[in-house]
């Protein structure tokens, strides 16, 4: 994965439990666990904003680019990525 998550390390540095952060950010422990493990496919900017505010950190403290390109498989509906954006094929896909 191209993006590494260092949330666990920041939590330890701040002496805060993930359960405490969940209560402050208003997300479930399951969702925070997915984020902490690096298995999340995406995260809302508003969630990152709340996490950083409560941990008094910068986004770069919890998310880091490892210098590798993460390959994303082409969706079954035939679309793909173009310049980093998800695009759909033009026309009716049912034909």
C-alpha atoms as a PDB file:
ATOM      1  CA  UNK A   1       0.000   0.000   0.000  1.00  0.00           C
ATOM      2  CA  UNK A   2       1.286   3.449  -0.892  1.00  0.00           C
ATOM      3  CA  UNK A   3      -0.065   5.185   2.210  1.00  0.00           C
ATOM      4  CA  UNK A   4       1.112   4.017   5.637  1.00  0.00           C
ATOM      5  CA  UNK A   5      -0.933   4.733   8.771  1.00  0.00           C
ATOM      6  CA  UNK A   6       0.904   5.670  11.969  1.00  0.00           C
ATOM      7  CA  UNK A   7      -2.143   6.338  14.130  1.00  0.00           C
ATOM      8  CA  UNK A   8      -1.153   3.726  16.715  1.00  0.00           C
ATOM      9  CA  UNK A   9       2.218   5.402  17.287  1.00  0.00           C
ATOM     10  CA  UNK A  10       0.649   8.853  17.660  1.00  0.00           C
ATOM     11  CA  UNK A  11      -1.929   7.491  20.111  1.00  0.00           C
ATOM     12  CA  UNK A  12       0.870   5.992  22.245  1.00  0.00           C
ATOM     13  CA  UNK A  13       2.849   9.238  22.151  1.00  0.00           C
ATOM     14  CA  UNK A  14      -0.237  11.185  23.266  1.00  0.00           C
ATOM     15  CA  UNK A  15      -1.038   8.542  25.913  1.00  0.00           C
ATOM     16  CA  UNK A  16      -4.559   8.159  24.560  1.00  0.00           C
ATOM     17  CA  UNK A  17      -6.461   4.950  23.954  1.00  0.00           C
ATOM     18  CA  UNK A  18      -8.253   4.266  20.710  1.00  0.00           C
ATOM     19  CA  UNK A  19     -11.478   3.999  22.702  1.00  0.00           C
ATOM     20  CA  UNK A  20     -10.985   7.551  24.011  1.00  0.00           C
ATOM     21  CA  UNK A  21     -10.273   8.823  20.495  1.00  0.00           C
ATOM     22  CA  UNK A  22     -13.409   7.113  19.175  1.00  0.00           C
ATOM     23  CA  UNK A  23     -15.524   8.922  21.737  1.00  0.00           C
ATOM     24  CA  UNK A  24     -13.938  12.282  20.879  1.00  0.00           C
ATOM     25  CA  UNK A  25     -14.154  11.843  17.105  1.00  0.00           C
ATOM     26  CA  UNK A  26     -17.548  10.084  17.200  1.00  0.00           C
ATOM     27  CA  UNK A  27     -16.596   7.044  15.121  1.00  0.00           C
ATOM     28  CA  UNK A  28     -16.987   3.383  15.946  1.00  0.00           C
ATOM     29  CA  UNK A  29     -14.140   1.354  17.373  1.00  0.00           C
ATOM     30  CA  UNK A  30     -14.484  -0.988  14.391  1.00  0.00           C
ATOM     31  CA  UNK A  31     -13.943   1.847  11.903  1.00  0.00           C
ATOM     32  CA  UNK A  32     -10.976   3.222  13.833  1.00  0.00           C
ATOM     33  CA  UNK A  33      -9.516  -0.276  13.963  1.00  0.00           C
ATOM     34  CA  UNK A  34      -9.768  -0.559  10.174  1.00  0.00           C
ATOM     35  CA  UNK A  35      -8.022   2.794   9.809  1.00  0.00           C
ATOM     36  CA  UNK A  36      -5.311   1.912  12.350  1.00  0.00           C
ATOM     37  CA  UNK A  37      -4.592  -1.393  10.607  1.00  0.00           C
ATOM     38  CA  UNK A  38      -4.046   0.332   7.263  1.00  0.00           C
ATOM     39  CA  UNK A  39      -6.868  -1.648   5.651  1.00  0.00           C
ATOM     40  CA  UNK A  40      -9.138   1.342   5.047  1.00  0.00           C
ATOM     41  CA  UNK A  41      -9.771   2.072   1.360  1.00  0.00           C
ATOM     42  CA  UNK A  42     -10.616   5.686   2.133  1.00  0.00           C
ATOM     43  CA  UNK A  43     -11.298   8.121   4.912  1.00  0.00           C
ATOM     44  CA  UNK A  44     -13.225  11.385   4.987  1.00  0.00           C
ATOM     45  CA  UNK A  45     -11.284  14.602   5.359  1.00  0.00           C
ATOM     46  CA  UNK A  46     -13.660  15.589   8.172  1.00  0.00           C
ATOM     47  CA  UNK A  47     -12.660  12.445  10.099  1.00  0.00           C
ATOM     48  CA  UNK A  48      -8.945  13.128   9.569  1.00  0.00           C
ATOM     49  CA  UNK A  49      -9.567  16.724  10.668  1.00  0.00           C
ATOM     50  CA  UNK A  50     -11.195  15.598  13.933  1.00  0.00           C
ATOM     51  CA  UNK A  51      -8.490  12.994  14.612  1.00  0.00           C
ATOM     52  CA  UNK A  52      -5.711  15.525  14.072  1.00  0.00           C
ATOM     53  CA  UNK A  53      -7.452  18.160  16.171  1.00  0.00           C
ATOM     54  CA  UNK A  54      -7.966  15.834  19.137  1.00  0.00           C
ATOM     55  CA  UNK A  55      -4.460  14.355  18.877  1.00  0.00           C
ATOM     56  CA  UNK A  56      -2.940  17.811  18.320  1.00  0.00           C
ATOM     57  CA  UNK A  57      -0.994  16.515  15.333  1.00  0.00           C
ATOM     58  CA  UNK A  58      -0.586  17.104  11.627  1.00  0.00           C
ATOM     59  CA  UNK A  59      -1.951  14.827   8.890  1.00  0.00           C
ATOM     60  CA  UNK A  60       1.644  13.901   8.043  1.00  0.00           C
ATOM     61  CA  UNK A  61       2.080  12.530  11.551  1.00  0.00           C
ATOM     62  CA  UNK A  62      -0.543   9.832  10.993  1.00  0.00           C
ATOM     63  CA  UNK A  63      -0.449   9.289   7.210  1.00  0.00           C
ATOM     64  CA  UNK A  64       2.762   8.876   5.206  1.00  0.00           C
ATOM     65  CA  UNK A  65       3.447   8.077   1.556  1.00  0.00           C
ATOM     66  CA  UNK A  66       5.891   5.181   1.201  1.00  0.00           C
ATOM     67  CA  UNK A  67       7.025   6.133  -2.313  1.00  0.00           C
ATOM     68  CA  UNK A  68       5.238   3.246  -4.029  1.00  0.00           C
ATOM     69  CA  UNK A  69       2.305   3.322  -6.405  1.00  0.00           C
ATOM     70  CA  UNK A  70      -0.665   1.365  -5.128  1.00  0.00           C
ATOM     71  CA  UNK A  71      -2.202  -0.440  -8.080  1.00  0.00           C
ATOM     72  CA  UNK A  72      -5.987  -0.404  -8.155  1.00  0.00           C
ATOM     73  CA  UNK A  73      -7.773  -3.056 -10.234  1.00  0.00           C
ATOM     74  CA  UNK A  74     -10.127  -1.844 -12.968  1.00  0.00           C
ATOM     75  CA  UNK A  75     -13.757  -2.009 -11.773  1.00  0.00           C
ATOM     76  CA  UNK A  76     -16.000  -4.683 -13.298  1.00  0.00           C
ATOM     77  CA  UNK A  77     -18.210  -2.002 -14.886  1.00  0.00           C
ATOM     78  CA  UNK A  78     -15.352  -1.116 -17.232  1.00  0.00           C
ATOM     79  CA  UNK A  79     -14.370   2.262 -15.865  1.00  0.00           C
ATOM     80  CA  UNK A  80     -10.938   3.038 -14.632  1.00  0.00           C
ATOM     81  CA  UNK A  81      -8.612   5.714 -13.369  1.00  0.00           C
ATOM     82  CA  UNK A  82      -7.442   8.632 -15.406  1.00  0.00           C
ATOM     83  CA  UNK A  83      -5.033  11.153 -13.916  1.00  0.00           C
ATOM     84  CA  UNK A  84      -5.874   9.801 -10.472  1.00  0.00           C
ATOM     85  CA  UNK A  85      -9.642  10.218 -10.852  1.00  0.00           C
ATOM     86  CA  UNK A  86     -12.227   7.477 -11.138  1.00  0.00           C
ATOM     87  CA  UNK A  87     -13.946   7.722 -14.524  1.00  0.00           C
ATOM     88  CA  UNK A  88     -16.837   5.887 -16.133  1.00  0.00           C
ATOM     89  CA  UNK A  89     -17.024   4.862 -19.735  1.00  0.00           C
ATOM     90  CA  UNK A  90     -19.366   6.945 -21.839  1.00  0.00           C
ATOM     91  CA  UNK A  91     -22.558   5.443 -23.199  1.00  0.00           C
ATOM     92  CA  UNK A  92     -24.958   2.828 -21.949  1.00  0.00           C
ATOM     93  CA  UNK A  93     -23.132   0.009 -20.192  1.00  0.00           C
ATOM     94  CA  UNK A  94     -26.075  -2.388 -20.668  1.00  0.00           C
ATOM     95  CA  UNK A  95     -25.736  -2.547 -24.471  1.00  0.00           C
END
